C-alpha atoms as a PDB file:
ATOM      1  CA  UNK A   1     177.583 276.490-136.820  1.00  0.00           C
ATOM      2  CA  UNK A   2     179.629 274.355-134.504  1.00  0.00           C
ATOM      3  CA  UNK A   3     179.915 270.651-135.131  1.00  0.00           C
ATOM      4  CA  UNK A   4     177.435 268.199-133.609  1.00  0.00           C
ATOM      5  CA  UNK A   5     178.151 264.713-132.322  1.00  0.00           C
ATOM      6  CA  UNK A   6     176.082 261.935-133.837  1.00  0.00           C
ATOM      7  CA  UNK A   7     175.212 258.561-132.415  1.00  0.00           C
ATOM      8  CA  UNK A   8     173.398 255.721-134.125  1.00  0.00           C
ATOM      9  CA  UNK A   9     169.984 257.089-133.166  1.00  0.00           C
ATOM     10  CA  UNK A  10     170.677 260.542-134.606  1.00  0.00           C
ATOM     11  CA  UNK A  11     172.640 259.534-137.697  1.00  0.00           C
ATOM     12  CA  UNK A  12     169.757 258.528-139.974  1.00  0.00           C
ATOM     13  CA  UNK A  13     167.642 261.508-138.980  1.00  0.00           C
ATOM     14  CA  UNK A  14     170.539 263.878-139.680  1.00  0.00           C
ATOM     15  CA  UNK A  15     171.595 262.516-143.071  1.00  0.00           C
ATOM     16  CA  UNK A  16     168.094 262.004-144.506  1.00  0.00           C
ATOM     17  CA  UNK A  17     166.868 265.577-144.032  1.00  0.00           C
ATOM     18  CA  UNK A  18     165.366 267.152-147.142  1.00  0.00           C
ATOM     19  CA  UNK A  19     166.816 270.460-148.313  1.00  0.00           C
ATOM     20  CA  UNK A  20     169.988 270.002-146.296  1.00  0.00           C
ATOM     21  CA  UNK A  21     173.684 269.395-146.670  1.00  0.00           C
ATOM     22  CA  UNK A  22     175.332 267.252-144.000  1.00  0.00           C
ATOM     23  CA  UNK A  23     179.057 266.559-143.681  1.00  0.00           C
ATOM     24  CA  UNK A  24     179.972 263.676-141.392  1.00  0.00           C
ATOM     25  CA  UNK A  25     183.502 263.167-140.066  1.00  0.00           C
ATOM     26  CA  UNK A  26     184.158 259.628-138.772  1.00  0.00           C
ATOM     27  CA  UNK A  27     187.108 259.916-136.379  1.00  0.00           C
ATOM     28  CA  UNK A  28     188.776 258.584-133.207  1.00  0.00           C
ATOM     29  CA  UNK A  29     190.732 260.278-130.431  1.00  0.00           C
ATOM     30  CA  UNK A  30     193.854 258.125-130.959  1.00  0.00           C
ATOM     31  CA  UNK A  31     194.015 258.812-134.734  1.00  0.00           C
ATOM     32  CA  UNK A  32     196.760 261.297-135.703  1.00  0.00           C
ATOM     33  CA  UNK A  33     195.269 262.274-139.084  1.00  0.00           C
ATOM     34  CA  UNK A  34     191.883 262.693-137.350  1.00  0.00           C
ATOM     35  CA  UNK A  35     193.432 265.141-134.895  1.00  0.00           C
ATOM     36  CA  UNK A  36     194.912 267.079-137.830  1.00  0.00           C
ATOM     37  CA  UNK A  37     191.606 267.150-139.752  1.00  0.00           C
ATOM     38  CA  UNK A  38     189.428 268.020-136.739  1.00  0.00           C
ATOM     39  CA  UNK A  39     190.426 271.714-136.512  1.00  0.00           C
ATOM     40  CA  UNK A  40     189.992 272.113-140.291  1.00  0.00           C
ATOM     41  CA  UNK A  41     186.508 270.584-140.094  1.00  0.00           C
ATOM     42  CA  UNK A  42     185.626 272.864-137.166  1.00  0.00           C
ATOM     43  CA  UNK A  43     186.973 275.999-138.913  1.00  0.00           C
ATOM     44  CA  UNK A  44     185.073 275.282-142.122  1.00  0.00           C
ATOM     45  CA  UNK A  45     181.882 274.604-140.124  1.00  0.00           C
ATOM     46  CA  UNK A  46     182.020 278.174-138.806  1.00  0.00           C
ATOM     47  CA  UNK A  47     182.019 279.519-142.390  1.00  0.00           C
ATOM     48  CA  UNK A  48     178.905 277.556-143.415  1.00  0.00           C
ATOM     49  CA  UNK A  49     176.187 277.969-140.761  1.00  0.00           C
ATOM     50  CA  UNK A  50     173.545 276.582-143.142  1.00  0.00           C
ATOM     51  CA  UNK A  51     175.302 273.187-143.350  1.00  0.00           C
ATOM     52  CA  UNK A  52     175.288 270.523-140.655  1.00  0.00           C
ATOM     53  CA  UNK A  53     178.804 269.431-139.708  1.00  0.00           C
ATOM     54  CA  UNK A  54     178.628 266.230-137.686  1.00  0.00           C
ATOM     55  CA  UNK A  55     181.190 263.976-136.045  1.00  0.00           C
ATOM     56  CA  UNK A  56     180.984 260.280-135.267  1.00  0.00           C
ATOM     57  CA  UNK A  57     183.462 258.877-132.745  1.00  0.00           C
ATOM     58  CA  UNK A  58     184.200 255.457-134.238  1.00  0.00           C
ATOM     59  CA  UNK A  59     185.295 254.050-130.863  1.00  0.00           C
ATOM     60  CA  UNK A  60     182.076 255.090-129.113  1.00  0.00           C
ATOM     61  CA  UNK A  61     179.859 254.265-132.113  1.00  0.00           C
ATOM     62  CA  UNK A  62     181.339 250.994-133.370  1.00  0.00           C
ATOM     63  CA  UNK A  63     178.015 249.604-134.598  1.00  0.00           C
ATOM     64  CA  UNK A  64     177.237 252.770-136.573  1.00  0.00           C
ATOM     65  CA  UNK A  65     180.765 252.793-138.004  1.00  0.00           C
ATOM     66  CA  UNK A  66     180.376 249.188-139.130  1.00  0.00           C
ATOM     67  CA  UNK A  67     176.971 249.920-140.670  1.00  0.00           C
ATOM     68  CA  UNK A  68     178.513 252.858-142.558  1.00  0.00           C
ATOM     69  CA  UNK A  69     181.318 250.625-143.844  1.00  0.00           C
ATOM     70  CA  UNK A  70     184.087 252.626-142.207  1.00  0.00           C
ATOM     71  CA  UNK A  71     187.418 250.862-142.765  1.00  0.00           C
ATOM     72  CA  UNK A  72     189.820 253.766-142.348  1.00  0.00           C
ATOM     73  CA  UNK A  73     189.686 257.049-140.463  1.00  0.00           C
ATOM     74  CA  UNK A  74     189.228 259.866-140.838  1.00  0.00           C
ATOM     75  CA  UNK A  75     186.447 259.254-143.354  1.00  0.00           C
ATOM     76  CA  UNK A  76     184.338 262.105-144.679  1.00  0.00           C
ATOM     77  CA  UNK A  77     180.821 261.557-145.980  1.00  0.00           C
ATOM     78  CA  UNK A  78     178.712 264.278-147.565  1.00  0.00           C
ATOM     79  CA  UNK A  79     174.939 263.983-147.908  1.00  0.00           C
ATOM     80  CA  UNK A  80     172.559 266.354-149.636  1.00  0.00           C
ATOM     81  CA  UNK A  81     168.805 265.919-149.450  1.00  0.00           C
ATOM     82  CA  UNK A  82     169.316 262.415-148.090  1.00  0.00           C
ATOM     83  CA  UNK A  83     171.632 261.314-150.904  1.00  0.00           C
ATOM     84  CA  UNK A  84     175.208 260.199-150.196  1.00  0.00           C
ATOM     85  CA  UNK A  85     177.345 262.196-152.637  1.00  0.00           C
ATOM     86  CA  UNK A  86     180.858 261.746-151.249  1.00  0.00           C
ATOM     87  CA  UNK A  87     182.532 259.046-149.179  1.00  0.00           C
ATOM     88  CA  UNK A  88     186.305 259.088-148.853  1.00  0.00           C
ATOM     89  CA  UNK A  89     188.897 258.202-146.264  1.00  0.00           C
ATOM     90  CA  UNK A  90     191.723 260.616-145.513  1.00  0.00           C
ATOM     91  CA  UNK A  91     192.169 264.084-144.112  1.00  0.00           C
ATOM     92  CA  UNK A  92     191.212 266.784-146.601  1.00  0.00           C
ATOM     93  CA  UNK A  93     193.064 270.097-146.553  1.00  0.00           C
ATOM     94  CA  UNK A  94     190.873 273.162-146.034  1.00  0.00           C
ATOM     95  CA  UNK A  95     190.868 274.309-149.703  1.00  0.00           C
ATOM     96  CA  UNK A  96     189.773 270.834-150.832  1.00  0.00           C
ATOM     97  CA  UNK A  97     186.997 270.736-148.233  1.00  0.00           C
ATOM     98  CA  UNK A  98     185.775 274.171-149.353  1.00  0.00           C
ATOM     99  CA  UNK A  99     185.864 272.983-152.990  1.00  0.00           C
ATOM    100  CA  UNK A 100     183.827 269.879-152.122  1.00  0.00           C
ATOM    101  CA  UNK A 101     181.213 272.057-150.404  1.00  0.00           C
ATOM    102  CA  UNK A 102     181.022 274.350-153.456  1.00  0.00           C
ATOM    103  CA  UNK A 103     180.563 271.335-155.745  1.00  0.00           C
ATOM    104  CA  UNK A 104     177.809 269.867-153.555  1.00  0.00           C
ATOM    105  CA  UNK A 105     176.033 273.239-153.375  1.00  0.00           C
ATOM    106  CA  UNK A 106     176.168 273.505-157.176  1.00  0.00           C
ATOM    107  CA  UNK A 107     174.569 270.135-157.909  1.00  0.00           C
ATOM    108  CA  UNK A 108     171.182 269.866-159.565  1.00  0.00           C
ATOM    109  CA  UNK A 109     169.653 267.352-157.160  1.00  0.00           C
ATOM    110  CA  UNK A 110     166.747 266.595-159.521  1.00  0.00           C
ATOM    111  CA  UNK A 111     169.323 265.462-162.094  1.00  0.00           C
ATOM    112  CA  UNK A 112     171.200 263.459-159.444  1.00  0.00           C
ATOM    113  CA  UNK A 113     168.013 261.673-158.361  1.00  0.00           C
ATOM    114  CA  UNK A 114     167.086 260.983-162.005  1.00  0.00           C
ATOM    115  CA  UNK A 115     170.526 259.448-162.572  1.00  0.00           C
ATOM    116  CA  UNK A 116     170.176 257.280-159.448  1.00  0.00           C
ATOM    117  CA  UNK A 117     166.724 256.143-160.573  1.00  0.00           C
ATOM    118  CA  UNK A 118     168.065 255.290-164.046  1.00  0.00           C
ATOM    119  CA  UNK A 119     170.958 253.285-162.566  1.00  0.00           C
ATOM    120  CA  UNK A 120     168.600 251.393-160.267  1.00  0.00           C
ATOM    121  CA  UNK A 121     166.225 250.629-163.137  1.00  0.00           C
ATOM    122  CA  UNK A 122     169.111 249.291-165.225  1.00  0.00           C
ATOM    123  CA  UNK A 123     170.382 247.086-162.392  1.00  0.00           C
ATOM    124  CA  UNK A 124     166.888 245.698-161.796  1.00  0.00           C
ATOM    125  CA  UNK A 125     166.333 244.626-165.420  1.00  0.00           C
ATOM    126  CA  UNK A 126     166.414 240.850-165.872  1.00  0.00           C
ATOM    127  CA  UNK A 127     169.353 239.430-167.761  1.00  0.00           C
ATOM    128  CA  UNK A 128     168.531 238.295-171.353  1.00  0.00           C
END
């Protein structure tokens, strides 16, 4: 699957899909590391047609980039079943990107959601 461009309107719909894995590359045309990572991201997208590979141009989508807390580019975010699992700045080499995908595929999302629920319950408990 080729990469898709996301804007603010399409971002939430893309990353909150159930039963899906979505990789989002926040980038800009003027960014050297972004230009190095772009072909890697595109190549890996061709190997995984069942995964959505999306790009957000931080210059064109400044409001979305701010909402996502982007401070450095390129930044890669990985969502599965609507849950943000990975958020890191920097250009990943192809083997690392493939490894990240394998790790995300291998997750037990019921266990991940249970852990998130437990953390939220702990943070919501009143202090003694």
